[in-house]
Amino acid sequence: MQIEIEYFALLREEAGCASETIELQQPTPAAVYACLNERHAFSLPAARLRVAVNDRFTEWNTQLDDGDRVVFIPPVAGG
């Protein structure tokens, strides 16, 4: 399946891009993040992130479909 990934803040810096489309078989955001973490060596564990699929916050064990857009959202600080 093909999934579009968008990155923000620290994850964008560590991935070296704002978005990417990947082809993979992982059916959940948790599995996708684990795969991407191996590729990009993210400094943030999944437990510190929120995940959204197609513009809606969701659980890490949500089943993904071909063409979904997944966004991993790191913690933000206000000021």
Protein backbone atom coordinates (compact mmCIF):
# COMPACT_ATOMS: atom_id res chain seq x y z
CA MET A 1 0.00 0.00 0.00
CA GLN A 2 1.09 3.57 -0.59
CA ILE A 3 0.94 6.03 2.32
CA GLU A 4 1.70 9.75 2.34
CA ILE A 5 3.65 10.87 5.41
CA GLU A 6 3.90 14.48 6.59
CA TYR A 7 6.46 15.69 9.12
CA PHE A 8 6.43 18.73 11.39
CA ALA A 9 8.98 20.48 13.61
CA LEU A 10 11.77 18.20 14.89
CA LEU A 11 10.62 15.23 12.82
CA ARG A 12 10.83 17.35 9.66
CA GLU A 13 14.40 18.30 10.51
CA GLU A 14 15.42 14.73 11.31
CA ALA A 15 13.76 13.26 8.19
CA GLY A 16 15.27 15.98 6.02
CA CYS A 17 11.95 16.55 4.23
CA ALA A 18 8.44 17.86 4.89
CA SER A 19 6.71 14.85 3.39
CA GLU A 20 7.28 11.62 1.56
CA THR A 21 5.23 8.89 -0.03
CA ILE A 22 6.20 5.40 0.96
CA GLU A 23 5.20 1.94 -0.18
CA LEU A 24 4.84 -0.55 2.64
CA GLN A 25 2.76 -3.29 4.15
CA GLN A 26 2.52 -2.06 7.76
CA PRO A 27 -1.20 -1.74 8.53
CA THR A 28 -1.03 0.66 11.51
CA PRO A 29 0.55 4.03 12.35
CA ALA A 30 2.60 2.31 15.08
CA ALA A 31 4.16 -0.07 12.57
CA VAL A 32 4.71 2.76 10.07
CA TYR A 33 6.48 4.90 12.67
CA ALA A 34 8.70 1.97 13.69
CA CYS A 35 9.71 1.51 10.04
CA LEU A 36 10.35 5.23 9.54
CA ASN A 37 12.26 5.42 12.80
CA GLU A 38 14.69 2.81 11.46
CA ARG A 39 15.12 4.84 8.27
CA HIS A 40 15.49 8.30 9.83
CA ALA A 41 16.67 7.55 13.41
CA PHE A 42 14.12 9.87 15.02
CA SER A 43 15.01 11.12 18.50
CA LEU A 44 11.38 11.03 19.71
CA PRO A 45 9.71 7.77 20.74
CA ALA A 46 6.17 7.15 19.54
CA ALA A 47 4.89 7.62 23.10
CA ARG A 48 5.74 11.34 22.86
CA LEU A 49 3.84 11.88 19.59
CA ARG A 50 0.23 12.21 18.45
CA VAL A 51 -0.84 10.65 15.19
CA ALA A 52 -3.44 11.82 12.69
CA VAL A 53 -4.77 9.96 9.67
CA ASN A 54 -6.53 11.95 6.97
CA ASP A 55 -6.72 15.07 9.17
CA ARG A 56 -8.17 13.32 12.26
CA PHE A 57 -6.37 12.39 15.43
CA THR A 58 -6.47 8.64 15.83
CA GLU A 59 -5.10 5.72 17.81
CA TRP A 60 -1.75 4.11 17.03
CA ASN A 61 -3.43 0.77 16.25
CA THR A 62 -5.84 2.16 13.59
CA GLN A 63 -5.89 0.14 10.38
CA LEU A 64 -4.54 2.12 7.43
CA ASP A 65 -5.78 2.02 3.85
CA ASP A 66 -4.00 2.64 0.58
CA GLY A 67 -3.69 6.39 -0.06
CA ASP A 68 -4.05 7.46 3.58
CA ARG A 69 -2.18 10.56 4.76
CA VAL A 70 -0.43 10.04 8.10
CA VAL A 71 0.97 12.86 10.20
CA PHE A 72 3.14 12.30 13.27
CA ILE A 73 2.88 15.35 15.52
CA PRO A 74 5.64 16.06 18.04
CA PRO A 75 5.07 17.98 21.26
CA VAL A 76 5.10 21.74 20.82
CA ALA A 77 6.03 24.50 23.22
CA GLY A 78 4.26 27.83 23.34
CA GLY A 79 5.73 31.10 24.29
